[in-house]
Amino acid sequence: MTYTLPGGQLSAQGMVFGILTQGRPTTPPPPFDNAITGGTGKFDRARGQIHAETIAPNTRRFTIDLD
């Protein structure tokens, strides 16, 4: 995944799990963590992790921890 933020982009890698039925989620996707593998601009050489969780229907919260 690539996250576009003010000042640059973050690249992340990991698995995202969810159950689809006819192209639509049947349940809210579970939380997941992805590793930050790099970035551009202000985030050049970034490392850390991104945690995502569903907080409401069709709404996710992303927490970015940079080292």
N, C-alpha and C. Protein backbone atom coordinates (compact mmCIF):
# COMPACT_ATOMS: atom_id res chain seq x y z
N MET A 1 0.83 -1.17 0.00
CA MET A 1 0.00 0.00 0.00
C MET A 1 0.88 1.24 0.00
N THR A 2 0.35 2.30 -0.52
CA THR A 2 1.02 3.60 -0.45
C THR A 2 0.05 4.59 0.18
N TYR A 3 0.49 5.27 1.20
CA TYR A 3 -0.30 6.28 1.89
C TYR A 3 0.23 7.64 1.48
N THR A 4 -0.60 8.50 0.94
CA THR A 4 -0.20 9.84 0.54
C THR A 4 -0.56 10.79 1.68
N LEU A 5 0.46 11.47 2.19
CA LEU A 5 0.30 12.38 3.33
C LEU A 5 0.90 13.73 2.97
N PRO A 6 0.55 14.78 3.73
CA PRO A 6 1.21 16.06 3.49
C PRO A 6 2.73 15.89 3.66
N GLY A 7 3.49 16.26 2.68
CA GLY A 7 4.94 16.18 2.77
C GLY A 7 5.55 14.95 2.13
N GLY A 8 4.75 14.02 1.65
CA GLY A 8 5.32 12.85 0.99
C GLY A 8 4.40 11.64 1.05
N GLN A 9 4.99 10.49 0.79
CA GLN A 9 4.24 9.23 0.80
C GLN A 9 4.94 8.21 1.69
N LEU A 10 4.15 7.29 2.24
CA LEU A 10 4.67 6.15 3.00
C LEU A 10 4.34 4.88 2.24
N SER A 11 5.29 3.99 2.14
CA SER A 11 5.06 2.67 1.54
C SER A 11 4.97 1.66 2.67
N ALA A 12 3.98 0.77 2.58
CA ALA A 12 3.78 -0.24 3.61
C ALA A 12 3.53 -1.59 2.95
N GLN A 13 3.86 -2.64 3.68
CA GLN A 13 3.67 -3.99 3.16
C GLN A 13 3.10 -4.87 4.26
N GLY A 14 2.16 -5.72 3.89
CA GLY A 14 1.56 -6.65 4.84
C GLY A 14 0.28 -7.22 4.27
N MET A 15 -0.41 -8.00 5.06
CA MET A 15 -1.66 -8.64 4.64
C MET A 15 -2.85 -7.86 5.17
N VAL A 16 -3.89 -7.81 4.36
CA VAL A 16 -5.17 -7.23 4.76
C VAL A 16 -6.19 -8.35 4.59
N PHE A 17 -6.89 -8.69 5.67
CA PHE A 17 -7.84 -9.79 5.62
C PHE A 17 -9.26 -9.26 5.66
N GLY A 18 -10.14 -9.90 4.92
CA GLY A 18 -11.55 -9.57 4.92
C GLY A 18 -12.29 -10.64 4.15
N ILE A 19 -13.60 -10.71 4.35
CA ILE A 19 -14.43 -11.70 3.69
C ILE A 19 -15.33 -10.96 2.72
N LEU A 20 -15.29 -11.34 1.44
CA LEU A 20 -16.11 -10.71 0.42
C LEU A 20 -17.16 -11.69 -0.08
N THR A 21 -18.37 -11.18 -0.30
CA THR A 21 -19.43 -11.95 -0.93
C THR A 21 -19.96 -11.09 -2.06
N GLN A 22 -19.85 -11.57 -3.26
CA GLN A 22 -20.27 -10.84 -4.45
C GLN A 22 -19.66 -9.44 -4.48
N GLY A 23 -18.37 -9.36 -4.10
CA GLY A 23 -17.66 -8.10 -4.16
C GLY A 23 -17.91 -7.15 -3.01
N ARG A 24 -18.71 -7.57 -2.02
CA ARG A 24 -19.01 -6.70 -0.88
C ARG A 24 -18.57 -7.38 0.42
N PRO A 25 -18.05 -6.59 1.38
CA PRO A 25 -17.68 -7.20 2.66
C PRO A 25 -18.92 -7.71 3.38
N THR A 26 -18.83 -8.90 3.98
CA THR A 26 -19.95 -9.44 4.74
C THR A 26 -19.85 -9.08 6.22
N THR A 27 -18.65 -8.82 6.67
CA THR A 27 -18.42 -8.41 8.05
C THR A 27 -17.37 -7.31 8.04
N PRO A 28 -17.31 -6.51 9.09
CA PRO A 28 -16.24 -5.50 9.11
C PRO A 28 -14.89 -6.19 9.07
N PRO A 29 -13.94 -5.65 8.29
CA PRO A 29 -12.63 -6.26 8.25
C PRO A 29 -11.95 -6.20 9.61
N PRO A 30 -11.18 -7.22 9.95
CA PRO A 30 -10.49 -7.21 11.25
C PRO A 30 -9.34 -6.20 11.24
N PRO A 31 -8.85 -5.81 12.41
CA PRO A 31 -7.69 -4.93 12.48
C PRO A 31 -6.48 -5.60 11.83
N PHE A 32 -5.56 -4.78 11.34
CA PHE A 32 -4.33 -5.32 10.78
C PHE A 32 -3.18 -4.35 11.01
N ASP A 33 -1.96 -4.89 10.93
CA ASP A 33 -0.74 -4.11 11.04
C ASP A 33 0.09 -4.34 9.78
N ASN A 34 0.65 -3.27 9.25
CA ASN A 34 1.55 -3.36 8.10
C ASN A 34 2.86 -2.69 8.45
N ALA A 35 3.96 -3.23 7.91
CA ALA A 35 5.28 -2.65 8.13
C ALA A 35 5.50 -1.49 7.16
N ILE A 36 6.03 -0.38 7.67
CA ILE A 36 6.43 0.74 6.81
C ILE A 36 7.80 0.38 6.25
N THR A 37 7.90 0.35 4.93
CA THR A 37 9.12 -0.10 4.27
C THR A 37 9.90 1.04 3.61
N GLY A 38 9.37 2.24 3.65
CA GLY A 38 10.07 3.38 3.04
C GLY A 38 9.11 4.53 2.82
N GLY A 39 9.61 5.55 2.16
CA GLY A 39 8.77 6.70 1.88
C GLY A 39 9.48 7.69 0.98
N THR A 40 8.78 8.78 0.70
CA THR A 40 9.33 9.85 -0.13
C THR A 40 9.19 11.17 0.61
N GLY A 41 9.91 12.18 0.13
CA GLY A 41 9.82 13.52 0.72
C GLY A 41 10.19 13.51 2.18
N LYS A 42 9.33 14.06 2.99
CA LYS A 42 9.53 14.15 4.43
C LYS A 42 9.68 12.77 5.09
N PHE A 43 9.20 11.73 4.40
CA PHE A 43 9.21 10.37 4.96
C PHE A 43 10.29 9.49 4.33
N ASP A 44 11.27 10.12 3.67
CA ASP A 44 12.37 9.37 3.06
C ASP A 44 13.04 8.48 4.11
N ARG A 45 13.23 7.21 3.79
CA ARG A 45 13.84 6.21 4.68
C ARG A 45 13.02 5.92 5.93
N ALA A 46 11.74 6.17 5.88
CA ALA A 46 10.87 5.92 7.04
C ALA A 46 10.81 4.43 7.37
N ARG A 47 10.67 4.12 8.65
CA ARG A 47 10.46 2.76 9.14
C ARG A 47 9.45 2.86 10.28
N GLY A 48 8.75 1.78 10.52
CA GLY A 48 7.77 1.75 11.59
C GLY A 48 6.63 0.82 11.21
N GLN A 49 5.42 1.15 11.69
CA GLN A 49 4.26 0.32 11.39
C GLN A 49 3.00 1.17 11.28
N ILE A 50 2.01 0.60 10.59
CA ILE A 50 0.69 1.23 10.47
C ILE A 50 -0.32 0.23 11.00
N HIS A 51 -1.15 0.68 11.93
CA HIS A 51 -2.22 -0.15 12.49
C HIS A 51 -3.54 0.39 11.97
N ALA A 52 -4.39 -0.49 11.45
CA ALA A 52 -5.71 -0.08 10.95
C ALA A 52 -6.78 -0.87 11.68
N GLU A 53 -7.87 -0.18 12.02
CA GLU A 53 -9.01 -0.86 12.64
C GLU A 53 -10.30 -0.20 12.17
N THR A 54 -11.35 -1.00 12.08
CA THR A 54 -12.66 -0.50 11.69
C THR A 54 -13.32 0.09 12.93
N ILE A 55 -13.75 1.36 12.85
CA ILE A 55 -14.37 2.00 14.01
C ILE A 55 -15.86 2.26 13.80
N ALA A 56 -16.33 2.16 12.57
CA ALA A 56 -17.75 2.32 12.22
C ALA A 56 -17.92 1.74 10.83
N PRO A 57 -19.15 1.48 10.39
CA PRO A 57 -19.32 0.96 9.04
C PRO A 57 -18.64 1.87 8.01
N ASN A 58 -17.83 1.26 7.17
CA ASN A 58 -17.10 1.98 6.11
C ASN A 58 -16.14 3.04 6.62
N THR A 59 -15.71 2.95 7.88
CA THR A 59 -14.79 3.93 8.46
C THR A 59 -13.65 3.20 9.17
N ARG A 60 -12.44 3.52 8.76
CA ARG A 60 -11.26 2.93 9.38
C ARG A 60 -10.41 4.02 10.03
N ARG A 61 -9.74 3.65 11.11
CA ARG A 61 -8.77 4.55 11.74
C ARG A 61 -7.39 3.95 11.51
N PHE A 62 -6.46 4.80 11.05
CA PHE A 62 -5.09 4.39 10.81
C PHE A 62 -4.18 5.09 11.82
N THR A 63 -3.37 4.31 12.51
CA THR A 63 -2.38 4.85 13.44
C THR A 63 -1.01 4.56 12.87
N ILE A 64 -0.23 5.62 12.66
CA ILE A 64 1.10 5.49 12.07
C ILE A 64 2.14 5.72 13.14
N ASP A 65 3.01 4.73 13.36
CA ASP A 65 4.12 4.83 14.31
C ASP A 65 5.42 4.83 13.51
N LEU A 66 6.14 5.94 13.56
CA LEU A 66 7.41 6.05 12.84
C LEU A 66 8.58 5.88 13.80
N ASP A 67 9.60 5.17 13.36
CA ASP A 67 10.83 5.03 14.15
C ASP A 67 11.77 6.15 13.79
